[in-house]
């Protein structure tokens, strides 16, 4: 008996490349490629990352929220300073110039 596959076939490297983040959440990771400590958010208001000992420590993120739920990172507390918009259903394995940059998040 043969079973039909649904969706595109993914290689083992692609499967390993996307870190775990439950549906409906925005996840921030301490290290690139989703490594290290992880924080998860789903309340849409500004939260200061220093309250979690995570200010200036975000190196990658995954937004696994619904299609209309954009997340935000901000340079300063309370959503002040420069901001980065995080589209829904996206993943950034390395924040490059914005590595260890964010002090607050809204998801």
C-alpha atoms as a PDB file:
ATOM      1  CA  UNK A   1       0.000   0.000   0.000  1.00  0.00           C
ATOM      2  CA  UNK A   2       1.338   3.423  -0.929  1.00  0.00           C
ATOM      3  CA  UNK A   3       0.617   6.583   0.996  1.00  0.00           C
ATOM      4  CA  UNK A   4       0.424   9.995  -0.596  1.00  0.00           C
ATOM      5  CA  UNK A   5       2.713  12.755   0.611  1.00  0.00           C
ATOM      6  CA  UNK A   6       1.264  16.152   1.303  1.00  0.00           C
ATOM      7  CA  UNK A   7       3.410  19.229   0.898  1.00  0.00           C
ATOM      8  CA  UNK A   8       6.960  19.539  -0.398  1.00  0.00           C
ATOM      9  CA  UNK A   9       9.606  17.090   0.684  1.00  0.00           C
ATOM     10  CA  UNK A  10      12.159  18.625   3.061  1.00  0.00           C
ATOM     11  CA  UNK A  11      15.741  17.512   3.518  1.00  0.00           C
ATOM     12  CA  UNK A  12      17.126  16.654   6.953  1.00  0.00           C
ATOM     13  CA  UNK A  13      19.179  19.877   6.862  1.00  0.00           C
ATOM     14  CA  UNK A  14      16.030  21.958   6.339  1.00  0.00           C
ATOM     15  CA  UNK A  15      14.222  20.164   9.159  1.00  0.00           C
ATOM     16  CA  UNK A  16      17.100  20.821  11.581  1.00  0.00           C
ATOM     17  CA  UNK A  17      17.465  24.432  10.431  1.00  0.00           C
ATOM     18  CA  UNK A  18      14.114  25.608  11.831  1.00  0.00           C
ATOM     19  CA  UNK A  19      14.028  25.729  15.645  1.00  0.00           C
ATOM     20  CA  UNK A  20      10.966  24.710  17.629  1.00  0.00           C
ATOM     21  CA  UNK A  21       8.366  27.408  18.240  1.00  0.00           C
ATOM     22  CA  UNK A  22       4.777  26.451  19.033  1.00  0.00           C
ATOM     23  CA  UNK A  23       1.951  27.683  16.834  1.00  0.00           C
ATOM     24  CA  UNK A  24       0.683  31.094  17.932  1.00  0.00           C
ATOM     25  CA  UNK A  25       3.953  32.279  19.482  1.00  0.00           C
ATOM     26  CA  UNK A  26       6.897  34.554  18.692  1.00  0.00           C
ATOM     27  CA  UNK A  27      10.148  32.964  19.876  1.00  0.00           C
ATOM     28  CA  UNK A  28      13.424  34.774  20.542  1.00  0.00           C
ATOM     29  CA  UNK A  29      16.690  32.833  20.773  1.00  0.00           C
ATOM     30  CA  UNK A  30      19.920  33.728  22.508  1.00  0.00           C
ATOM     31  CA  UNK A  31      22.172  32.319  19.780  1.00  0.00           C
ATOM     32  CA  UNK A  32      22.095  32.173  15.989  1.00  0.00           C
ATOM     33  CA  UNK A  33      20.238  29.267  14.358  1.00  0.00           C
ATOM     34  CA  UNK A  34      17.734  29.138  17.211  1.00  0.00           C
ATOM     35  CA  UNK A  35      20.290  28.016  19.766  1.00  0.00           C
ATOM     36  CA  UNK A  36      20.684  28.775  23.437  1.00  0.00           C
ATOM     37  CA  UNK A  37      17.998  30.123  25.704  1.00  0.00           C
ATOM     38  CA  UNK A  38      14.528  30.734  24.204  1.00  0.00           C
ATOM     39  CA  UNK A  39      11.794  33.189  25.232  1.00  0.00           C
ATOM     40  CA  UNK A  40       8.245  32.958  23.872  1.00  0.00           C
ATOM     41  CA  UNK A  41       5.659  35.749  23.552  1.00  0.00           C
ATOM     42  CA  UNK A  42       2.048  36.035  22.388  1.00  0.00           C
ATOM     43  CA  UNK A  43       0.664  39.144  24.125  1.00  0.00           C
ATOM     44  CA  UNK A  44       0.606  42.183  21.884  1.00  0.00           C
ATOM     45  CA  UNK A  45       2.106  44.857  24.111  1.00  0.00           C
ATOM     46  CA  UNK A  46       5.668  46.025  24.672  1.00  0.00           C
ATOM     47  CA  UNK A  47       7.626  43.894  27.109  1.00  0.00           C
ATOM     48  CA  UNK A  48      11.086  44.857  28.300  1.00  0.00           C
ATOM     49  CA  UNK A  49      13.565  42.051  27.791  1.00  0.00           C
ATOM     50  CA  UNK A  50      15.646  43.058  30.823  1.00  0.00           C
ATOM     51  CA  UNK A  51      12.793  41.673  32.972  1.00  0.00           C
ATOM     52  CA  UNK A  52      13.800  38.242  31.658  1.00  0.00           C
ATOM     53  CA  UNK A  53      17.569  38.836  31.760  1.00  0.00           C
ATOM     54  CA  UNK A  54      17.514  38.954  27.945  1.00  0.00           C
ATOM     55  CA  UNK A  55      18.143  42.600  27.001  1.00  0.00           C
ATOM     56  CA  UNK A  56      20.630  42.904  24.121  1.00  0.00           C
ATOM     57  CA  UNK A  57      20.824  39.094  23.814  1.00  0.00           C
ATOM     58  CA  UNK A  58      18.556  38.176  20.846  1.00  0.00           C
ATOM     59  CA  UNK A  59      20.492  36.588  17.973  1.00  0.00           C
ATOM     60  CA  UNK A  60      17.668  34.825  16.074  1.00  0.00           C
ATOM     61  CA  UNK A  61      13.874  34.631  16.091  1.00  0.00           C
ATOM     62  CA  UNK A  62      10.896  32.733  14.704  1.00  0.00           C
ATOM     63  CA  UNK A  63       7.391  34.176  14.380  1.00  0.00           C
ATOM     64  CA  UNK A  64       4.942  31.266  14.330  1.00  0.00           C
ATOM     65  CA  UNK A  65       1.844  33.417  14.912  1.00  0.00           C
ATOM     66  CA  UNK A  66      -1.214  33.758  12.663  1.00  0.00           C
ATOM     67  CA  UNK A  67      -1.064  35.381   9.248  1.00  0.00           C
ATOM     68  CA  UNK A  68      -2.106  38.808  10.560  1.00  0.00           C
ATOM     69  CA  UNK A  69       0.091  38.831  13.678  1.00  0.00           C
ATOM     70  CA  UNK A  70       3.256  40.828  13.160  1.00  0.00           C
ATOM     71  CA  UNK A  71       5.857  40.991  15.906  1.00  0.00           C
ATOM     72  CA  UNK A  72       8.255  43.820  16.737  1.00  0.00           C
ATOM     73  CA  UNK A  73      11.680  44.239  18.298  1.00  0.00           C
ATOM     74  CA  UNK A  74      12.799  47.639  19.557  1.00  0.00           C
ATOM     75  CA  UNK A  75      16.226  49.004  20.409  1.00  0.00           C
ATOM     76  CA  UNK A  76      15.143  50.580  23.695  1.00  0.00           C
ATOM     77  CA  UNK A  77      12.727  49.666  26.462  1.00  0.00           C
ATOM     78  CA  UNK A  78       9.003  50.234  25.973  1.00  0.00           C
ATOM     79  CA  UNK A  79       9.219  49.966  22.180  1.00  0.00           C
ATOM     80  CA  UNK A  80      11.310  53.132  21.883  1.00  0.00           C
ATOM     81  CA  UNK A  81      14.281  53.641  19.596  1.00  0.00           C
ATOM     82  CA  UNK A  82      14.585  51.915  16.248  1.00  0.00           C
ATOM     83  CA  UNK A  83      12.242  49.015  15.512  1.00  0.00           C
ATOM     84  CA  UNK A  84      12.332  45.817  13.474  1.00  0.00           C
ATOM     85  CA  UNK A  85       9.086  44.432  12.071  1.00  0.00           C
ATOM     86  CA  UNK A  86       8.769  40.618  12.189  1.00  0.00           C
ATOM     87  CA  UNK A  87       6.377  39.193   9.605  1.00  0.00           C
ATOM     88  CA  UNK A  88       4.164  36.230  10.564  1.00  0.00           C
ATOM     89  CA  UNK A  89       5.366  32.722   9.689  1.00  0.00           C
ATOM     90  CA  UNK A  90       8.998  33.807   9.283  1.00  0.00           C
ATOM     91  CA  UNK A  91      12.351  32.789  10.736  1.00  0.00           C
ATOM     92  CA  UNK A  92      15.646  34.654  10.956  1.00  0.00           C
ATOM     93  CA  UNK A  93      18.585  32.410  11.828  1.00  0.00           C
ATOM     94  CA  UNK A  94      20.993  35.331  12.272  1.00  0.00           C
ATOM     95  CA  UNK A  95      20.171  38.982  12.943  1.00  0.00           C
ATOM     96  CA  UNK A  96      23.456  40.218  11.471  1.00  0.00           C
ATOM     97  CA  UNK A  97      23.920  43.912  12.299  1.00  0.00           C
ATOM     98  CA  UNK A  98      20.984  43.644  14.744  1.00  0.00           C
ATOM     99  CA  UNK A  99      22.543  40.810  16.759  1.00  0.00           C
ATOM    100  CA  UNK A 100      22.216  41.455  20.520  1.00  0.00           C
ATOM    101  CA  UNK A 101      20.421  44.726  19.711  1.00  0.00           C
ATOM    102  CA  UNK A 102      16.841  44.472  21.061  1.00  0.00           C
ATOM    103  CA  UNK A 103      15.696  45.662  24.476  1.00  0.00           C
ATOM    104  CA  UNK A 104      11.925  45.156  24.064  1.00  0.00           C
ATOM    105  CA  UNK A 105       9.461  42.993  22.132  1.00  0.00           C
ATOM    106  CA  UNK A 106       5.780  43.082  21.139  1.00  0.00           C
ATOM    107  CA  UNK A 107       4.135  39.990  19.693  1.00  0.00           C
END
